[in-house]
Protein backbone atom coordinates (compact mmCIF):
# COMPACT_ATOMS: atom_id res chain seq x y z
CA MET A 1 143.33 95.96 23.70
CA ASP A 2 142.20 93.75 26.51
CA ALA A 3 138.57 91.98 26.38
CA MET A 4 137.85 92.99 29.55
CA ASP A 5 138.77 96.71 29.43
CA CYS A 6 136.36 98.95 30.20
CA ASP A 7 136.12 102.58 31.84
CA ARG A 8 133.47 101.76 34.43
CA GLU A 9 133.57 105.24 36.34
CA ARG A 10 132.20 107.26 33.37
CA PRO A 11 128.30 107.89 32.90
CA ALA A 12 126.76 106.19 30.14
CA MET A 13 122.99 105.19 28.65
CA SER A 14 123.63 101.69 28.07
CA SER A 15 126.68 98.80 28.20
CA LEU A 16 127.40 97.38 24.71
CA LEU A 17 129.76 94.55 24.35
CA LEU A 18 131.49 94.74 20.53
CA VAL A 19 132.36 91.18 19.21
CA ASP A 20 134.55 91.01 16.21
CA ASP A 21 137.54 89.62 15.29
CA GLU A 22 139.18 92.68 13.73
CA ASP A 23 140.87 94.97 15.93
CA ALA A 24 140.55 98.11 13.51
CA LEU A 25 136.46 97.83 13.36
CA ARG A 26 135.82 97.17 17.13
CA ARG A 27 138.30 100.07 18.24
CA TRP A 28 135.77 102.01 15.18
CA GLU A 29 132.77 100.92 16.53
CA ARG A 30 134.06 101.59 20.10
CA ARG A 31 134.79 105.54 19.28
CA VAL A 32 132.10 106.23 17.42
CA LEU A 33 130.06 104.64 20.22
CA GLU A 34 131.72 105.96 23.27
CA ALA A 35 131.12 109.44 21.59
CA GLN A 36 127.28 108.96 22.14
CA GLN A 37 127.73 108.04 25.93
CA TYR A 38 127.65 104.78 25.59
CA ALA A 39 130.27 102.38 27.39
CA CYS A 40 131.64 99.73 25.67
CA VAL A 41 133.41 95.96 26.03
CA GLU A 42 135.27 94.66 23.43
CA ALA A 43 135.63 91.02 22.32
CA ALA A 44 137.76 89.73 20.04
CA ASP A 45 136.20 85.73 19.48
CA VAL A 46 133.46 83.91 21.32
CA PRO A 47 135.23 82.58 24.77
CA GLN A 48 136.31 86.32 25.36
CA ALA A 49 132.91 87.28 24.64
CA ARG A 50 131.44 84.26 27.05
CA ALA A 51 133.69 85.57 29.73
CA ALA A 52 132.36 89.21 29.40
CA LEU A 53 128.97 88.27 29.78
CA VAL A 54 129.59 85.95 32.96
CA GLN A 55 131.03 89.65 34.26
CA ARG A 56 128.41 91.71 33.96
CA ARG A 57 125.19 93.00 31.95
CA PHE A 58 125.02 94.31 28.85
CA ASP A 59 122.43 95.99 27.07
CA LEU A 60 123.12 94.92 23.84
CA VAL A 61 125.73 93.19 21.87
CA LEU A 62 127.28 94.00 18.38
CA LEU A 63 128.15 90.60 16.97
CA ASP A 64 130.19 89.38 14.04
CA VAL A 65 128.84 86.45 12.11
CA ASN A 66 132.39 84.94 10.91
CA LEU A 67 134.52 84.64 14.22
CA PRO A 68 137.62 82.41 14.71
CA GLY A 69 136.66 78.96 16.35
CA GLU A 70 133.11 79.29 16.91
CA SER A 71 130.08 81.12 15.07
CA GLY A 72 128.35 84.06 15.98
CA MET A 73 125.34 82.42 15.16
CA GLN A 74 126.05 80.37 18.08
CA LEU A 75 126.58 82.99 20.52
CA LEU A 76 123.61 84.45 19.18
CA VAL A 77 121.49 81.79 20.37
CA GLU A 78 123.57 81.30 23.83
CA VAL A 79 122.63 85.20 24.47
CA ARG A 80 119.39 85.07 23.83
CA ALA A 81 118.23 82.06 26.00
CA GLU A 82 120.65 82.59 28.54
CA HIS A 83 120.24 86.81 29.07
CA PRO A 84 117.08 87.21 27.65
CA GLY A 85 117.48 91.34 28.63
CA THR A 86 120.29 91.36 25.93
CA ALA A 87 119.70 92.43 22.57
CA VAL A 88 122.00 91.43 19.73
CA LEU A 89 122.17 93.69 16.64
CA MET A 90 124.60 91.03 14.04
CA VAL A 91 127.58 93.48 12.56
CA THR A 92 129.33 90.84 9.80
CA GLY A 93 130.17 91.00 6.09
CA GLU A 94 127.94 88.12 4.97
CA ASP A 95 125.63 90.08 2.42
CA ASP A 96 123.43 86.88 2.92
CA LEU A 97 119.21 87.14 2.86
CA ALA A 98 118.96 83.91 4.00
CA LEU A 99 121.76 84.42 6.81
CA ALA A 100 120.03 87.70 7.88
CA ALA A 101 116.53 85.65 8.23
CA ARG A 102 118.07 83.27 10.05
CA ALA A 103 119.38 86.00 12.86
CA ILE A 104 116.35 87.38 12.49
CA GLU A 105 114.40 84.44 13.49
CA LEU A 106 117.39 83.41 16.15
CA GLY A 107 116.30 86.62 17.83
CA ALA A 108 118.87 89.40 16.14
CA TYR A 109 117.43 92.72 16.59
CA GLY A 110 119.31 93.75 13.16
CA TYR A 111 121.03 92.79 10.90
CA LEU A 112 124.04 95.04 9.37
CA VAL A 113 126.46 94.48 6.30
CA LYS A 114 130.36 96.21 6.87
CA PRO A 115 130.70 98.53 5.96
CA VAL A 116 128.81 100.26 8.09
CA ARG A 117 128.69 104.16 8.51
CA ALA A 118 128.31 105.81 11.43
CA GLY A 119 125.00 107.10 11.82
CA GLU A 120 123.74 103.49 10.32
CA LEU A 121 125.84 101.94 13.12
CA LEU A 122 124.10 104.51 15.74
CA ILE A 123 120.71 104.39 14.03
CA ASN A 124 120.72 100.84 14.82
CA VAL A 125 121.68 100.46 17.63
CA THR A 126 118.99 103.33 19.20
CA ASN A 127 116.58 101.40 17.71
CA ALA A 128 117.45 97.85 19.00
CA LEU A 129 117.40 99.86 22.53
CA HIS A 130 114.50 101.10 22.30
CA ARG A 131 112.71 97.67 21.19
CA LEU A 132 114.21 96.23 24.67
CA ARG A 133 113.23 98.93 26.63
CA ARG A 134 109.20 98.23 25.19
CA GLU A 135 109.59 94.37 24.99
CA THR A 136 111.40 94.71 28.87
CA GLU A 137 108.16 97.03 29.86
CA LEU A 138 105.50 94.37 28.28
CA LEU A 139 107.23 91.87 30.39
CA ARG A 140 106.68 93.32 33.23
CA ARG A 141 103.59 94.46 32.84
CA LEU A 142 102.55 91.08 32.27
CA ASP A 143 104.62 89.74 35.36
CA ASP A 144 102.22 92.24 37.22
CA LEU A 145 98.76 91.15 35.85
CA GLN A 146 100.21 87.42 36.60
CA SER A 147 100.93 88.22 40.09
CA SER A 148 97.92 90.22 40.91
CA ARG A 149 95.82 87.25 39.46
CA GLN A 150 97.91 84.72 41.49
CA GLN A 151 97.42 87.07 44.61
CA ALA A 152 93.09 87.28 44.16
CA GLU A 153 93.25 83.61 43.74
CA GLN A 154 94.62 82.87 46.70
CA GLU A 155 92.18 84.82 48.61
CA LEU A 156 89.22 83.56 46.24
CA ARG A 157 90.45 80.48 47.54
CA ARG A 158 90.77 81.23 50.99
CA ALA A 159 87.43 83.03 50.69
CA LEU A 160 85.18 79.72 49.43
CA ALA A 161 86.68 77.12 51.54
CA PRO A 162 84.68 75.26 53.65
CA ASN A 163 85.99 76.95 57.10
CA GLY A 164 82.86 78.59 58.08
CA HIS A 165 84.10 82.41 57.30
CA GLY A 166 83.66 82.14 53.42
CA ALA A 167 81.82 84.74 51.67
CA ASP A 168 79.10 83.91 48.96
CA PRO A 169 80.83 85.32 45.74
CA ILE A 170 78.91 88.67 45.33
CA ALA A 171 80.38 89.85 48.62
CA LEU A 172 83.47 87.89 47.45
CA LEU A 173 83.68 90.12 44.21
CA GLU A 174 83.10 93.03 45.81
CA SER A 175 86.24 92.90 48.12
CA GLU A 176 89.16 94.62 47.31
CA SER A 177 91.29 92.20 46.34
CA VAL A 178 89.17 90.74 43.51
CA ASN A 179 88.17 94.74 42.66
CA ARG A 180 92.25 95.45 41.87
CA LEU A 181 91.30 92.60 39.33
CA VAL A 182 88.60 94.60 37.91
CA ARG A 183 90.75 97.74 37.90
CA LEU A 184 93.31 96.53 35.87
CA ALA A 185 91.77 97.13 32.81
CA GLU A 186 91.18 100.51 33.95
CA PHE A 187 95.33 101.61 33.91
CA ARG A 188 95.86 101.45 30.53
CA ASP A 189 92.97 103.89 29.04
CA SER A 190 91.28 106.67 31.13
CA GLN A 191 87.65 105.69 29.17
CA THR A 192 87.94 102.42 30.16
CA GLY A 193 86.47 102.85 33.96
CA GLN A 194 83.04 104.26 32.68
CA HIS A 195 82.74 102.20 29.93
CA LEU A 196 83.08 99.45 32.55
CA VAL A 197 80.02 100.83 35.00
CA ARG A 198 77.91 101.50 31.79
CA MET A 199 78.62 98.48 29.91
CA SER A 200 78.27 96.13 33.21
CA ARG A 201 74.69 97.82 34.35
CA TYR A 202 73.32 97.65 30.59
CA CYS A 203 73.62 93.85 30.86
CA GLU A 204 72.05 93.68 34.18
CA LEU A 205 68.96 95.12 32.67
CA ILE A 206 69.12 93.41 29.67
CA GLY A 207 68.76 90.62 31.65
CA ARG A 208 66.26 91.30 33.86
CA SER A 209 64.08 92.66 30.51
CA LEU A 210 64.74 88.67 29.67
CA GLY A 211 62.98 87.99 33.02
CA LEU A 212 66.27 86.41 34.06
CA ASP A 213 66.12 85.89 38.24
CA ASP A 214 67.93 88.33 40.44
CA ASP A 215 71.08 86.62 41.74
CA TYR A 216 72.17 85.62 37.65
CA CYS A 217 71.25 89.71 37.02
CA ARG A 218 73.25 90.56 39.92
CA GLN A 219 76.30 88.26 39.20
CA LEU A 220 75.95 89.42 35.41
CA ARG A 221 76.49 92.67 36.38
CA LEU A 222 79.50 92.46 38.56
CA ALA A 223 81.11 89.77 36.15
CA SER A 224 80.89 91.96 32.67
CA GLU A 225 82.65 94.35 34.47
CA LEU A 226 85.64 92.14 33.91
CA HIS A 227 84.90 91.44 29.93
CA ASP A 228 88.22 93.41 28.76
CA VAL A 229 91.08 92.04 31.29
CA GLY A 230 92.79 90.78 28.88
CA LYS A 231 93.35 94.05 27.17
CA VAL A 232 96.13 94.70 29.76
CA ALA A 233 98.96 92.70 27.70
CA ILE A 234 97.44 94.50 24.10
CA PRO A 235 100.69 96.57 22.96
CA ASP A 236 99.48 100.89 23.69
CA ARG A 237 100.83 101.30 19.73
CA ILE A 238 97.44 98.86 19.40
CA LEU A 239 95.09 99.41 22.02
CA LEU A 240 95.29 103.48 21.83
CA LYS A 241 96.24 103.92 17.86
CA PRO A 242 93.85 106.89 16.36
CA GLY A 243 93.49 105.15 13.45
CA THR A 244 92.34 102.08 11.46
CA LEU A 245 93.85 98.88 13.06
CA THR A 246 95.61 96.65 10.18
CA SER A 247 94.80 92.98 9.64
CA ALA A 248 97.97 92.26 12.03
CA GLU A 249 97.19 94.48 14.38
CA ARG A 250 93.67 93.38 15.03
CA ARG A 251 94.85 89.87 14.94
CA VAL A 252 97.01 91.29 18.53
CA MET A 253 93.74 93.15 19.57
CA GLU A 254 91.40 90.11 19.11
CA THR A 255 93.85 87.92 21.42
CA HIS A 256 92.47 89.96 24.87
CA THR A 257 89.35 87.43 24.89
CA GLU A 258 91.16 84.53 25.15
CA ILE A 259 93.86 86.63 27.71
CA GLY A 260 91.20 87.22 29.78
CA HIS A 261 89.78 83.94 29.67
CA SER A 262 93.41 82.93 30.51
CA ILE A 263 93.35 85.12 33.66
CA LEU A 264 89.61 84.39 35.10
CA SER A 265 89.04 80.60 34.44
CA ASP A 266 89.57 77.94 36.68
CA SER A 267 88.14 79.73 39.69
CA GLY A 268 85.80 78.30 42.90
CA SER A 269 83.37 81.91 42.31
CA GLU A 270 80.24 81.60 40.10
CA VAL A 271 80.72 85.18 39.60
CA MET A 272 84.39 84.62 38.66
CA ARG A 273 83.62 81.77 35.46
CA MET A 274 80.83 83.49 34.31
CA ALA A 275 83.48 86.74 34.31
CA ALA A 276 85.44 84.30 32.32
CA SER A 277 82.96 83.29 29.82
CA ILE A 278 81.89 86.63 29.19
CA ALA A 279 85.66 87.52 28.53
CA LEU A 280 86.05 85.15 26.32
CA THR A 281 82.48 85.16 24.16
CA HIS A 282 81.42 89.22 24.02
CA HIS A 283 82.80 89.09 20.46
CA GLU A 284 81.38 86.15 19.47
CA ARG A 285 78.57 86.69 17.19
CA TRP A 286 75.07 84.77 16.00
CA ASP A 287 75.81 84.14 12.78
CA GLY A 288 78.94 82.44 13.98
CA GLY A 289 81.05 85.60 12.40
CA GLY A 290 82.90 86.28 15.40
CA TYR A 291 85.67 85.93 17.63
CA PRO A 292 87.85 84.09 18.97
CA ARG A 293 86.09 80.40 18.12
CA GLY A 294 83.35 81.45 15.85
CA LEU A 295 80.60 80.33 17.88
CA ALA A 296 76.89 80.37 16.79
CA ARG A 297 73.88 80.82 18.07
CA ALA A 298 73.51 78.37 20.96
CA GLU A 299 76.66 77.77 21.19
CA ILE A 300 77.61 81.43 22.80
CA PRO A 301 76.33 81.12 26.39
CA GLN A 302 73.92 83.52 27.76
CA GLU A 303 75.84 85.78 28.87
CA GLY A 304 78.02 86.26 26.43
CA ARG A 305 75.13 87.04 24.49
CA ILE A 306 74.31 89.77 26.41
CA ALA A 307 77.19 91.53 26.84
CA ALA A 308 77.63 91.41 23.22
CA VAL A 309 74.59 93.87 22.73
CA ALA A 310 76.00 96.05 25.69
CA ASP A 311 79.33 96.16 24.81
CA VAL A 312 78.31 97.34 21.19
CA PHE A 313 75.77 99.91 22.53
CA ASP A 314 78.40 101.48 24.75
CA ALA A 315 81.11 101.33 21.71
CA LEU A 316 78.94 103.33 19.25
CA THR A 317 77.40 105.79 21.71
CA SER A 318 81.00 106.41 23.18
CA ASP A 319 83.88 108.87 22.24
CA ARG A 320 86.84 106.29 21.20
CA VAL A 321 90.42 106.88 20.35
CA TYR A 322 89.51 106.87 16.25
CA ARG A 323 86.23 108.16 16.16
CA PRO A 324 83.73 110.39 17.95
CA ALA A 325 80.54 108.70 19.31
CA PHE A 326 77.66 107.96 17.35
CA PRO A 327 73.81 109.81 18.04
CA VAL A 328 71.86 106.98 19.96
CA GLY A 329 69.31 107.23 17.39
CA MET A 330 72.06 106.25 14.75
CA ALA A 331 73.59 103.41 16.97
CA ILE A 332 70.61 101.93 17.66
CA ASP A 333 69.78 101.83 13.57
CA MET A 334 73.00 100.47 13.35
CA MET A 335 72.34 97.55 15.69
CA GLU A 336 68.99 96.95 14.50
CA ALA A 337 70.85 95.98 11.06
CA GLU A 338 72.25 93.46 12.45
CA ARG A 339 69.21 91.92 14.04
CA GLY A 340 69.56 87.98 13.59
CA ARG A 341 73.20 88.83 11.98
CA HIS A 342 75.63 90.07 14.97
CA PHE A 343 72.85 89.78 17.80
CA GLU A 344 70.52 87.24 19.47
CA GLU A 345 66.68 88.98 18.19
CA ARG A 346 65.50 88.66 21.56
CA VAL A 347 68.64 90.26 23.40
CA LEU A 348 68.69 92.93 21.23
CA GLN A 349 64.29 93.41 21.89
CA ALA A 350 65.41 93.31 25.76
CA LEU A 351 67.97 96.63 25.32
CA HIS A 352 64.67 98.07 23.39
CA ASP A 353 62.51 97.18 25.95
CA VAL A 354 64.52 98.67 28.86
CA PHE A 355 65.93 101.40 26.50
CA ASP A 356 64.57 104.84 29.31
CA GLU A 357 66.71 102.90 31.77
CA VAL A 358 69.75 102.59 29.63
CA GLU A 359 69.44 106.27 28.91
CA ARG A 360 69.70 107.06 32.51
CA VAL A 361 72.61 104.99 33.01
CA ARG A 362 74.59 106.88 30.22
CA MET A 363 73.76 109.74 30.91
CA GLN A 364 74.90 109.27 34.45
CA PHE A 365 77.91 107.45 34.03
CA GLY A 366 79.29 109.93 30.89
CA ASP A 367 82.75 110.02 30.05
């Protein structure tokens, strides 16, 4: 059968390239897969596979390791480098754990050992294509995020340029272009929007209770709305998980601080610089036990210490996907137990000093 042979007119879910030097096995794979409406192309060796990859796009390559001439492992490396939108599933007679681990390390989505049953083949193809779609969607989201960041930065530079038309940082952050950056944190979770409003107002109230000047407190309110913007890059299966996160999932979740800082840093706006600082440090602890950098006491910027108190108070008194809200009195007691450990004492006291106003905000902007 010719390597380029394919029924291009029939509808198909996905397009697959079958690369194996065993004619009988390729024909069997093709029958099994086309029965499920996959479109298949065959190749008997690496040169034929390369030619097919040049002529059209494939969603997945079923690839043998031992091929005449060049190895399937070399083709695996080429496909993952030159065709990142194509998954590779190894189907081989090599029952070798070290080889399987090497294939996975090089980017293979799975490793099947011959003889392969029809159900096993279909399940692995389905799983590989599902993973590919999820990864493609995540990359699209990250691209959208980067585009939004670049657009916001361009408008920031134009607005702050010394041309007589620049707005002050407060007005700039309230503009539509930068406000879209604030809303990036909302499209993943319907609860996030009200959390941003409450938390940012708690920050402003705490700042005023500490005697900080009006301009700083206004900037603090605006900047703290961006504290969780890095969560746009966290997968849904972790961000919206209803149960306790595993240690690996927790490490992924914690990266939102560094991601948020990366999104917001290097701006000419004081508000955006403060927002970057808050994004990075709002999970640091007064005793040095927080993340991402384990900062302690005065190493944590003032805005980060304030945001930590405001963020934890709102988290405890709000419903989450993994638990209902705690009663306010219990939440306060839980935070008091962390006085001088998680929280700077004077910042936690400032929350107490404006508690009536905090409660009004909490009731006004409830979920």
